Amino acid sequence: MGASSSSATRQERRRSVVKNEDDASQNAGTPSLPPRTEEAATQEAAKSSESAPPTPQPPSSPWPAVVLEGALEGHDGGVGCLAALEGGRLASGSTDCTIRIWNLAVGADAAQATRVVLEGHRGWVSCLAELDDGRLASGSWDRTIRIWNLAVGADAAQASHVVLEGHDGGVGCLAALEG
């Protein structure tokens, strides 16, 4: 009974384990409960509805539901920043190195909504801020800040903007200070 009998015993154990694993995998997910009658299912449903807690209601919100009114399209790159401007206008800065001024009063018709396209940055426009006097400041990854005079129209705004240089890296944020 030496090594061969212990080897045979190990093989029998392995076969037994494999057989039990096979049986378990074949029955996986199969319930071993007796089938329920329709009457029993109805009684269980009635019991669970009696003991179930009331369904929680969402809290009432002071905000109205949000409805998408439309999309403003026109940039050739992604939009990275927005600034709300006086007079129902919106400024958007883009990875296409431009700024667009949208007139929201005309709706989402991009052909009518785009009043001004400001060009001059050589890098992505990363931030915008409306200044107290109605001008627009824009910062860019081209390491400049530009101040645009929006009161004079598209062509004049292109010609009359001021370029502030001196940053060692891209301009990532702007804030308009009072005074």
N, C-alpha and C. Protein backbone atom coordinates (compact mmCIF):
# COMPACT_ATOMS: atom_id res chain seq x y z
N MET A 1 0.81 -1.19 0.00
CA MET A 1 0.00 0.00 0.00
C MET A 1 0.85 1.24 0.00
N GLY A 2 1.80 1.43 -0.50
CA GLY A 2 2.69 2.57 -0.39
C GLY A 2 2.24 3.73 -1.23
N ALA A 3 3.15 4.13 -2.13
CA ALA A 3 2.94 5.34 -2.92
C ALA A 3 1.81 5.20 -3.91
N SER A 4 1.60 4.00 -4.46
CA SER A 4 0.55 3.85 -5.47
C SER A 4 -0.83 3.98 -4.86
N SER A 5 -1.04 3.51 -3.64
CA SER A 5 -2.36 3.65 -3.04
C SER A 5 -2.64 5.09 -2.65
N SER A 6 -1.66 5.84 -2.18
CA SER A 6 -1.90 7.26 -1.86
C SER A 6 -2.13 8.05 -3.14
N SER A 7 -1.49 7.67 -4.22
CA SER A 7 -1.70 8.30 -5.51
C SER A 7 -3.11 8.05 -6.01
N ALA A 8 -3.59 6.83 -5.83
CA ALA A 8 -4.95 6.49 -6.25
C ALA A 8 -5.97 7.25 -5.43
N THR A 9 -5.72 7.41 -4.15
CA THR A 9 -6.64 8.15 -3.27
C THR A 9 -6.71 9.61 -3.69
N ARG A 10 -5.56 10.21 -4.02
CA ARG A 10 -5.55 11.61 -4.49
C ARG A 10 -6.35 11.76 -5.78
N GLN A 11 -6.20 10.81 -6.68
CA GLN A 11 -6.93 10.87 -7.95
C GLN A 11 -8.43 10.76 -7.73
N GLU A 12 -8.83 9.90 -6.79
CA GLU A 12 -10.26 9.77 -6.48
C GLU A 12 -10.80 11.09 -5.91
N ARG A 13 -10.03 11.71 -5.04
CA ARG A 13 -10.46 13.00 -4.47
C ARG A 13 -10.61 14.05 -5.56
N ARG A 14 -9.63 14.10 -6.47
CA ARG A 14 -9.70 15.08 -7.57
C ARG A 14 -10.94 14.85 -8.42
N ARG A 15 -11.22 13.59 -8.75
CA ARG A 15 -12.40 13.27 -9.54
C ARG A 15 -13.67 13.71 -8.81
N SER A 16 -13.70 13.49 -7.51
CA SER A 16 -14.86 13.87 -6.71
C SER A 16 -15.04 15.39 -6.70
N VAL A 17 -13.95 16.14 -6.55
CA VAL A 17 -14.02 17.61 -6.55
C VAL A 17 -14.48 18.11 -7.90
N VAL A 18 -13.90 17.56 -8.98
CA VAL A 18 -14.28 17.98 -10.32
C VAL A 18 -15.74 17.68 -10.57
N LYS A 19 -16.22 16.49 -10.16
CA LYS A 19 -17.62 16.12 -10.36
C LYS A 19 -18.53 17.10 -9.61
N ASN A 20 -18.19 17.43 -8.36
CA ASN A 20 -19.00 18.36 -7.57
C ASN A 20 -19.01 19.76 -8.20
N GLU A 21 -17.87 20.20 -8.73
CA GLU A 21 -17.82 21.51 -9.40
C GLU A 21 -18.67 21.51 -10.65
N ASP A 22 -18.63 20.39 -11.42
CA ASP A 22 -19.45 20.29 -12.62
C ASP A 22 -20.93 20.34 -12.28
N ASP A 23 -21.33 19.60 -11.23
CA ASP A 23 -22.73 19.60 -10.81
C ASP A 23 -23.14 21.00 -10.39
N ALA A 24 -22.27 21.70 -9.67
CA ALA A 24 -22.61 23.06 -9.20
C ALA A 24 -22.74 24.02 -10.37
N SER A 25 -21.83 23.91 -11.36
CA SER A 25 -21.91 24.84 -12.49
C SER A 25 -23.14 24.56 -13.36
N GLN A 26 -23.57 23.30 -13.45
CA GLN A 26 -24.75 23.00 -14.24
C GLN A 26 -26.01 23.52 -13.57
N ASN A 27 -26.02 23.58 -12.26
CA ASN A 27 -27.19 24.03 -11.52
C ASN A 27 -27.11 25.49 -11.11
N ALA A 28 -26.06 26.19 -11.55
CA ALA A 28 -25.89 27.59 -11.15
C ALA A 28 -27.09 28.40 -11.60
N GLY A 29 -27.61 29.19 -10.72
CA GLY A 29 -28.73 30.06 -11.04
C GLY A 29 -30.07 29.37 -11.04
N THR A 30 -30.11 28.08 -10.82
CA THR A 30 -31.38 27.35 -10.81
C THR A 30 -31.88 27.29 -9.38
N PRO A 31 -33.01 27.86 -9.07
CA PRO A 31 -33.50 27.82 -7.69
C PRO A 31 -33.98 26.41 -7.34
N SER A 32 -33.79 26.08 -6.07
CA SER A 32 -34.21 24.75 -5.64
C SER A 32 -35.49 24.84 -4.82
N LEU A 33 -36.21 25.94 -4.94
CA LEU A 33 -37.47 26.12 -4.22
C LEU A 33 -38.61 25.46 -4.98
N PRO A 34 -39.61 25.01 -4.26
CA PRO A 34 -40.76 24.42 -4.96
C PRO A 34 -41.50 25.50 -5.74
N PRO A 35 -42.16 25.15 -6.83
CA PRO A 35 -42.88 26.15 -7.63
C PRO A 35 -44.03 26.75 -6.84
N ARG A 36 -44.30 28.05 -7.07
CA ARG A 36 -45.38 28.74 -6.37
C ARG A 36 -46.64 28.67 -7.21
N THR A 37 -47.73 28.68 -6.52
CA THR A 37 -49.01 28.74 -7.23
C THR A 37 -49.34 30.19 -7.48
N GLU A 38 -50.26 30.44 -8.38
CA GLU A 38 -50.66 31.81 -8.69
C GLU A 38 -51.27 32.48 -7.46
N GLU A 39 -52.03 31.71 -6.69
CA GLU A 39 -52.66 32.25 -5.49
C GLU A 39 -51.60 32.68 -4.48
N ALA A 40 -50.55 31.86 -4.30
CA ALA A 40 -49.48 32.20 -3.36
C ALA A 40 -48.75 33.46 -3.81
N ALA A 41 -48.52 33.59 -5.10
CA ALA A 41 -47.84 34.78 -5.63
C ALA A 41 -48.68 36.03 -5.38
N THR A 42 -50.00 35.95 -5.54
CA THR A 42 -50.88 37.09 -5.31
C THR A 42 -50.87 37.48 -3.84
N GLN A 43 -50.90 36.49 -2.95
CA GLN A 43 -50.86 36.78 -1.52
C GLN A 43 -49.54 37.44 -1.13
N GLU A 44 -48.43 36.95 -1.68
CA GLU A 44 -47.12 37.54 -1.37
C GLU A 44 -47.05 38.98 -1.86
N ALA A 45 -47.58 39.26 -3.03
CA ALA A 45 -47.57 40.62 -3.58
C ALA A 45 -48.38 41.55 -2.70
N ALA A 46 -49.53 41.09 -2.20
CA ALA A 46 -50.38 41.91 -1.33
C ALA A 46 -49.66 42.20 -0.02
N LYS A 47 -48.98 41.19 0.55
CA LYS A 47 -48.24 41.40 1.79
C LYS A 47 -47.11 42.40 1.60
N SER A 48 -46.37 42.27 0.48
CA SER A 48 -45.22 43.16 0.28
C SER A 48 -45.68 44.59 0.04
N SER A 49 -46.82 44.81 -0.61
CA SER A 49 -47.29 46.17 -0.83
C SER A 49 -47.80 46.79 0.46
N GLU A 50 -48.32 45.96 1.37
CA GLU A 50 -48.79 46.48 2.65
C GLU A 50 -47.63 46.89 3.53
N SER A 51 -46.53 46.14 3.48
CA SER A 51 -45.40 46.42 4.36
C SER A 51 -44.35 47.31 3.72
N ALA A 52 -44.47 47.60 2.45
CA ALA A 52 -43.48 48.44 1.77
C ALA A 52 -43.60 49.88 2.23
N PRO A 53 -42.46 50.54 2.42
CA PRO A 53 -42.53 51.95 2.80
C PRO A 53 -43.06 52.77 1.64
N PRO A 54 -43.61 53.94 1.91
CA PRO A 54 -44.12 54.77 0.82
C PRO A 54 -42.98 55.19 -0.11
N THR A 55 -43.29 55.31 -1.38
CA THR A 55 -42.30 55.73 -2.36
C THR A 55 -41.94 57.18 -2.10
N PRO A 56 -40.61 57.46 -1.93
CA PRO A 56 -40.23 58.85 -1.66
C PRO A 56 -40.48 59.73 -2.89
N GLN A 57 -40.95 60.91 -2.65
CA GLN A 57 -41.19 61.88 -3.72
C GLN A 57 -39.99 62.80 -3.83
N PRO A 58 -39.60 63.19 -5.04
CA PRO A 58 -38.47 64.11 -5.15
C PRO A 58 -38.83 65.44 -4.52
N PRO A 59 -37.84 66.11 -3.94
CA PRO A 59 -38.15 67.40 -3.32
C PRO A 59 -38.57 68.40 -4.39
N SER A 60 -39.45 69.28 -4.00
CA SER A 60 -39.87 70.30 -4.96
C SER A 60 -38.72 71.28 -5.14
N SER A 61 -38.52 71.70 -6.36
CA SER A 61 -37.40 72.58 -6.68
C SER A 61 -37.91 73.99 -6.93
N PRO A 62 -37.18 74.98 -6.44
CA PRO A 62 -37.57 76.36 -6.75
C PRO A 62 -37.22 76.73 -8.19
N TRP A 63 -36.44 75.87 -8.87
CA TRP A 63 -36.00 76.14 -10.23
C TRP A 63 -36.92 75.47 -11.23
N PRO A 64 -37.23 76.15 -12.31
CA PRO A 64 -38.06 75.50 -13.35
C PRO A 64 -37.24 74.43 -14.07
N ALA A 65 -37.93 73.56 -14.76
CA ALA A 65 -37.26 72.52 -15.54
C ALA A 65 -36.41 73.17 -16.63
N VAL A 66 -35.27 72.57 -16.91
CA VAL A 66 -34.36 73.09 -17.93
C VAL A 66 -34.79 72.54 -19.28
N VAL A 67 -34.90 73.42 -20.26
CA VAL A 67 -35.28 73.02 -21.60
C VAL A 67 -34.24 73.58 -22.57
N LEU A 68 -33.69 72.72 -23.41
CA LEU A 68 -32.73 73.15 -24.41
C LEU A 68 -33.46 73.94 -25.48
N GLU A 69 -33.07 75.19 -25.66
CA GLU A 69 -33.73 76.04 -26.65
C GLU A 69 -33.06 75.97 -28.01
N GLY A 70 -31.84 75.53 -28.06
CA GLY A 70 -31.13 75.44 -29.32
C GLY A 70 -29.64 75.42 -29.08
N ALA A 71 -28.88 75.29 -30.15
CA ALA A 71 -27.42 75.26 -30.07
C ALA A 71 -26.85 76.34 -30.97
N LEU A 72 -25.82 76.99 -30.49
CA LEU A 72 -25.13 78.00 -31.29
C LEU A 72 -23.90 77.34 -31.90
N GLU A 73 -23.86 77.30 -33.20
CA GLU A 73 -22.76 76.65 -33.90
C GLU A 73 -22.07 77.64 -34.79
N GLY A 74 -20.75 77.52 -34.89
CA GLY A 74 -20.01 78.41 -35.75
C GLY A 74 -18.51 78.32 -35.56
N HIS A 75 -18.06 77.94 -34.37
CA HIS A 75 -16.63 77.78 -34.14
C HIS A 75 -16.12 76.56 -34.91
N ASP A 76 -14.86 76.62 -35.33
CA ASP A 76 -14.22 75.48 -35.98
C ASP A 76 -13.52 74.57 -34.99
N GLY A 77 -13.50 74.95 -33.71
CA GLY A 77 -12.89 74.14 -32.66
C GLY A 77 -13.81 74.09 -31.46
N GLY A 78 -13.35 73.45 -30.41
CA GLY A 78 -14.14 73.35 -29.19
C GLY A 78 -14.24 74.68 -28.47
N VAL A 79 -15.33 74.88 -27.76
CA VAL A 79 -15.53 76.09 -26.97
C VAL A 79 -14.98 75.84 -25.58
N GLY A 80 -14.07 76.72 -25.14
CA GLY A 80 -13.42 76.56 -23.85
C GLY A 80 -13.88 77.53 -22.79
N CYS A 81 -14.54 78.62 -23.19
CA CYS A 81 -14.97 79.60 -22.21
C CYS A 81 -16.14 80.42 -22.74
N LEU A 82 -16.92 80.93 -21.81
CA LEU A 82 -18.09 81.76 -22.12
C LEU A 82 -18.11 82.96 -21.18
N ALA A 83 -18.70 84.05 -21.64
CA ALA A 83 -18.94 85.21 -20.79
C ALA A 83 -20.27 85.82 -21.18
N ALA A 84 -21.14 86.03 -20.17
CA ALA A 84 -22.42 86.71 -20.40
C ALA A 84 -22.14 88.21 -20.50
N LEU A 85 -22.67 88.82 -21.54
CA LEU A 85 -22.45 90.24 -21.79
C LEU A 85 -23.76 91.01 -21.65
N GLU A 86 -23.65 92.30 -21.50
CA GLU A 86 -24.85 93.14 -21.44
C GLU A 86 -25.64 93.04 -22.74
N GLY A 87 -26.92 93.34 -22.65
CA GLY A 87 -27.77 93.39 -23.84
C GLY A 87 -28.15 92.03 -24.39
N GLY A 88 -28.14 90.98 -23.56
CA GLY A 88 -28.56 89.66 -24.05
C GLY A 88 -27.57 89.03 -24.99
N ARG A 89 -26.29 89.34 -24.81
CA ARG A 89 -25.27 88.76 -25.68
C ARG A 89 -24.41 87.77 -24.90
N LEU A 90 -23.74 86.91 -25.64
CA LEU A 90 -22.87 85.90 -25.06
C LEU A 90 -21.59 85.87 -25.87
N ALA A 91 -20.44 85.85 -25.18
CA ALA A 91 -19.15 85.72 -25.85
C ALA A 91 -18.66 84.29 -25.64
N SER A 92 -18.11 83.69 -26.70
CA SER A 92 -17.54 82.34 -26.59
C SER A 92 -16.12 82.36 -27.15
N GLY A 93 -15.20 81.74 -26.40
CA GLY A 93 -13.81 81.62 -26.84
C GLY A 93 -13.54 80.18 -27.20
N SER A 94 -12.70 79.97 -28.21
CA SER A 94 -12.57 78.63 -28.78
C SER A 94 -11.12 78.23 -29.02
N THR A 95 -10.96 76.92 -29.24
CA THR A 95 -9.66 76.38 -29.64
C THR A 95 -9.31 76.76 -31.07
N ASP A 96 -10.25 77.35 -31.80
CA ASP A 96 -9.95 77.83 -33.16
C ASP A 96 -9.33 79.23 -33.12
N CYS A 97 -9.00 79.73 -31.93
CA CYS A 97 -8.31 81.01 -31.70
C CYS A 97 -9.21 82.22 -31.95
N THR A 98 -10.52 82.04 -32.01
CA THR A 98 -11.43 83.16 -32.23
C THR A 98 -12.38 83.32 -31.05
N ILE A 99 -13.01 84.50 -31.04
CA ILE A 99 -14.07 84.80 -30.08
C ILE A 99 -15.29 85.17 -30.91
N ARG A 100 -16.42 84.62 -30.53
CA ARG A 100 -17.67 84.98 -31.21
C ARG A 100 -18.58 85.66 -30.21
N ILE A 101 -19.25 86.70 -30.69
CA ILE A 101 -20.24 87.42 -29.89
C ILE A 101 -21.60 87.04 -30.46
N TRP A 102 -22.44 86.43 -29.63
CA TRP A 102 -23.74 85.92 -30.05
C TRP A 102 -24.83 86.83 -29.50
N ASN A 103 -25.80 87.12 -30.33
CA ASN A 103 -26.97 87.87 -29.89
C ASN A 103 -28.06 86.85 -29.58
N LEU A 104 -28.29 86.61 -28.29
CA LEU A 104 -29.23 85.57 -27.89
C LEU A 104 -30.69 85.96 -28.15
N ALA A 105 -30.94 87.22 -28.41
CA ALA A 105 -32.32 87.67 -28.66
C ALA A 105 -32.89 87.08 -29.94
N VAL A 106 -32.04 86.69 -30.89
CA VAL A 106 -32.54 86.15 -32.15
C VAL A 106 -32.68 84.63 -32.12
N GLY A 107 -32.36 83.99 -31.00
CA GLY A 107 -32.51 82.55 -30.89
C GLY A 107 -31.27 81.81 -31.32
N ALA A 108 -31.47 80.56 -31.73
CA ALA A 108 -30.34 79.68 -32.01
C ALA A 108 -29.95 79.64 -33.47
N ASP A 109 -30.44 80.54 -34.30
CA ASP A 109 -30.04 80.60 -35.70
C ASP A 109 -28.64 81.22 -35.77
N ALA A 110 -27.63 80.38 -35.96
CA ALA A 110 -26.24 80.83 -35.90
C ALA A 110 -25.94 81.93 -36.92
N ALA A 111 -26.55 81.87 -38.09
CA ALA A 111 -26.29 82.89 -39.11
C ALA A 111 -26.73 84.27 -38.63
N GLN A 112 -27.82 84.33 -37.88
CA GLN A 112 -28.30 85.61 -37.37
C GLN A 112 -27.69 85.94 -36.00
N ALA A 113 -27.41 84.91 -35.20
CA ALA A 113 -26.97 85.14 -33.83
C ALA A 113 -25.53 85.63 -33.75
N THR A 114 -24.66 85.21 -34.67
CA THR A 114 -23.28 85.66 -34.64
C THR A 114 -23.20 87.07 -35.19
N ARG A 115 -22.95 88.00 -34.30
CA ARG A 115 -22.83 89.39 -34.74
C ARG A 115 -21.39 89.74 -35.06
N VAL A 116 -20.46 89.21 -34.27
CA VAL A 116 -19.06 89.59 -34.41
C VAL A 116 -18.19 88.35 -34.23
N VAL A 117 -17.18 88.22 -35.08
CA VAL A 117 -16.14 87.21 -34.89
C VAL A 117 -14.84 87.97 -34.71
N LEU A 118 -14.22 87.80 -33.53
CA LEU A 118 -12.99 88.51 -33.21
C LEU A 118 -11.80 87.59 -33.44
N GLU A 119 -10.86 88.03 -34.27
CA GLU A 119 -9.67 87.25 -34.59
C GLU A 119 -8.43 88.02 -34.20
N GLY A 120 -7.41 87.31 -33.79
CA GLY A 120 -6.16 87.96 -33.41
C GLY A 120 -5.29 87.09 -32.53
N HIS A 121 -5.90 86.26 -31.71
CA HIS A 121 -5.10 85.35 -30.89
C HIS A 121 -4.45 84.31 -31.77
N ARG A 122 -3.25 83.89 -31.38
CA ARG A 122 -2.52 82.84 -32.10
C ARG A 122 -2.56 81.51 -31.34
N GLY A 123 -3.25 81.49 -30.21
CA GLY A 123 -3.42 80.27 -29.42
C GLY A 123 -4.87 80.15 -28.97
N TRP A 124 -5.20 79.03 -28.35
CA TRP A 124 -6.56 78.80 -27.87
C TRP A 124 -7.00 79.93 -26.96
N VAL A 125 -8.23 80.39 -27.13
CA VAL A 125 -8.80 81.39 -26.23
C VAL A 125 -9.30 80.62 -25.00
N SER A 126 -8.72 80.95 -23.84
CA SER A 126 -8.98 80.15 -22.64
C SER A 126 -9.86 80.85 -21.61
N CYS A 127 -10.01 82.18 -21.69
CA CYS A 127 -10.83 82.88 -20.70
C CYS A 127 -11.32 84.21 -21.25
N LEU A 128 -12.47 84.62 -20.74
CA LEU A 128 -13.11 85.87 -21.15
C LEU A 128 -13.66 86.58 -19.92
N ALA A 129 -13.67 87.91 -19.96
CA ALA A 129 -14.29 88.68 -18.88
C ALA A 129 -14.78 90.00 -19.46
N GLU A 130 -16.03 90.36 -19.14
CA GLU A 130 -16.55 91.66 -19.55
C GLU A 130 -16.07 92.70 -18.54
N LEU A 131 -15.55 93.79 -19.04
CA LEU A 131 -15.06 94.86 -18.18
C LEU A 131 -16.19 95.85 -17.89
N ASP A 132 -16.03 96.67 -16.85
CA ASP A 132 -17.07 97.61 -16.42
C ASP A 132 -17.53 98.55 -17.53
N ASP A 133 -16.64 98.92 -18.43
CA ASP A 133 -16.99 99.89 -19.47
C ASP A 133 -17.56 99.22 -20.73
N GLY A 134 -17.86 97.91 -20.65
CA GLY A 134 -18.46 97.22 -21.79
C GLY A 134 -17.46 96.57 -22.72
N ARG A 135 -16.17 96.80 -22.50
CA ARG A 135 -15.17 96.12 -23.33
C ARG A 135 -15.03 94.66 -22.87
N LEU A 136 -14.40 93.85 -23.70
CA LEU A 136 -14.22 92.43 -23.42
C LEU A 136 -12.73 92.13 -23.33
N ALA A 137 -12.32 91.45 -22.25
CA ALA A 137 -10.94 90.98 -22.11
C ALA A 137 -10.91 89.50 -22.45
N SER A 138 -9.87 89.10 -23.20
CA SER A 138 -9.71 87.69 -23.55
C SER A 138 -8.28 87.26 -23.24
N GLY A 139 -8.14 86.07 -22.67
CA GLY A 139 -6.83 85.50 -22.41
C GLY A 139 -6.64 84.27 -23.27
N SER A 140 -5.38 83.99 -23.61
CA SER A 140 -5.12 82.91 -24.55
C SER A 140 -3.84 82.18 -24.18
N TRP A 141 -3.70 80.98 -24.74
CA TRP A 141 -2.48 80.20 -24.58
C TRP A 141 -1.35 80.78 -25.42
N ASP A 142 -1.62 81.85 -26.20
CA ASP A 142 -0.54 82.54 -26.91
C ASP A 142 0.20 83.52 -26.00
N ARG A 143 -0.13 83.51 -24.70
CA ARG A 143 0.51 84.31 -23.64
C ARG A 143 0.14 85.79 -23.71
N THR A 144 -1.02 86.09 -24.31
CA THR A 144 -1.46 87.49 -24.37
C THR A 144 -2.86 87.64 -23.77
N ILE A 145 -3.15 88.88 -23.38
CA ILE A 145 -4.50 89.31 -23.03
C ILE A 145 -4.84 90.39 -24.05
N ARG A 146 -6.04 90.28 -24.60
CA ARG A 146 -6.49 91.29 -25.56
C ARG A 146 -7.74 91.95 -25.01
N ILE A 147 -7.81 93.26 -25.20
CA ILE A 147 -8.97 94.05 -24.77
C ILE A 147 -9.68 94.51 -26.03
N TRP A 148 -10.93 94.11 -26.18
CA TRP A 148 -11.72 94.37 -27.38
C TRP A 148 -12.79 95.42 -27.08
N ASN A 149 -12.92 96.42 -27.96
CA ASN A 149 -13.97 97.43 -27.82
C ASN A 149 -15.17 96.97 -28.65
N LEU A 150 -16.17 96.42 -27.97
CA LEU A 150 -17.32 95.83 -28.67
C LEU A 150 -18.33 96.87 -29.13
N ALA A 151 -18.21 98.09 -28.63
CA ALA A 151 -19.20 99.12 -28.96
C ALA A 151 -19.03 99.66 -30.37
N VAL A 152 -17.93 99.37 -31.03
CA VAL A 152 -17.64 99.99 -32.33
C VAL A 152 -17.93 99.10 -33.54
N GLY A 153 -18.38 97.87 -33.34
CA GLY A 153 -18.68 97.00 -34.48
C GLY A 153 -17.54 96.07 -34.79
N ALA A 154 -17.80 95.12 -35.67
CA ALA A 154 -16.86 94.03 -35.93
C ALA A 154 -15.53 94.51 -36.49
N ASP A 155 -15.54 95.25 -37.59
CA ASP A 155 -14.28 95.67 -38.22
C ASP A 155 -13.49 96.60 -37.32
N ALA A 156 -14.18 97.54 -36.71
CA ALA A 156 -13.49 98.49 -35.84
C ALA A 156 -12.95 97.79 -34.59
N ALA A 157 -13.68 96.79 -34.07
CA ALA A 157 -13.20 96.06 -32.89
C ALA A 157 -11.90 95.32 -33.22
N GLN A 158 -11.81 94.80 -34.45
CA GLN A 158 -10.57 94.13 -34.85
C GLN A 158 -9.41 95.13 -34.82
N ALA A 159 -9.66 96.32 -35.34
CA ALA A 159 -8.59 97.31 -35.47
C ALA A 159 -8.28 98.00 -34.14
N SER A 160 -9.27 98.09 -33.23
CA SER A 160 -9.05 98.91 -32.04
C SER A 160 -8.74 98.11 -30.78
N HIS A 161 -8.45 96.83 -30.92
CA HIS A 161 -8.17 96.07 -29.70
C HIS A 161 -6.73 96.29 -29.24
N VAL A 162 -6.53 96.18 -27.94
CA VAL A 162 -5.22 96.37 -27.31
C VAL A 162 -4.66 95.00 -26.96
N VAL A 163 -3.37 94.80 -27.18
CA VAL A 163 -2.72 93.53 -26.86
C VAL A 163 -1.79 93.76 -25.67
N LEU A 164 -2.01 92.98 -24.61
CA LEU A 164 -1.15 93.03 -23.43
C LEU A 164 -0.26 91.80 -23.42
N GLU A 165 1.05 92.01 -23.49
CA GLU A 165 2.00 90.90 -23.55
C GLU A 165 2.88 90.90 -22.32
N GLY A 166 3.55 89.78 -22.08
CA GLY A 166 4.49 89.71 -20.98
C GLY A 166 4.39 88.46 -20.13
N HIS A 167 3.36 87.67 -20.33
CA HIS A 167 3.24 86.43 -19.56
C HIS A 167 4.24 85.40 -20.08
N ASP A 168 4.78 84.58 -19.17
CA ASP A 168 5.71 83.52 -19.55
C ASP A 168 4.99 82.25 -20.01
N GLY A 169 3.70 82.18 -19.74
CA GLY A 169 2.91 81.02 -20.14
C GLY A 169 1.53 81.48 -20.57
N GLY A 170 0.71 80.52 -20.91
CA GLY A 170 -0.64 80.83 -21.34
C GLY A 170 -1.44 81.50 -20.23
N VAL A 171 -2.40 82.32 -20.62
CA VAL A 171 -3.28 83.00 -19.67
C VAL A 171 -4.48 82.10 -19.46
N GLY A 172 -4.68 81.64 -18.22
CA GLY A 172 -5.73 80.68 -17.92
C GLY A 172 -6.96 81.25 -17.28
N CYS A 173 -6.90 82.46 -16.72
CA CYS A 173 -8.10 83.03 -16.10
C CYS A 173 -7.99 84.55 -16.06
N LEU A 174 -9.15 85.18 -16.04
CA LEU A 174 -9.25 86.64 -15.97
C LEU A 174 -10.35 86.99 -14.97
N ALA A 175 -10.23 88.14 -14.35
CA ALA A 175 -11.29 88.66 -13.48
C ALA A 175 -11.34 90.16 -13.66
N ALA A 176 -12.52 90.70 -13.84
CA ALA A 176 -12.68 92.15 -13.97
C ALA A 176 -12.79 92.74 -12.58
N LEU A 177 -11.94 93.72 -12.30
CA LEU A 177 -11.95 94.38 -11.01
C LEU A 177 -12.72 95.70 -11.12
N GLU A 178 -13.35 96.09 -10.03
CA GLU A 178 -14.09 97.36 -10.04
C GLU A 178 -13.12 98.53 -10.03
N GLY A 179 -13.54 99.63 -10.70
CA GLY A 179 -12.78 100.87 -10.63
C GLY A 179 -11.87 100.99 -11.75
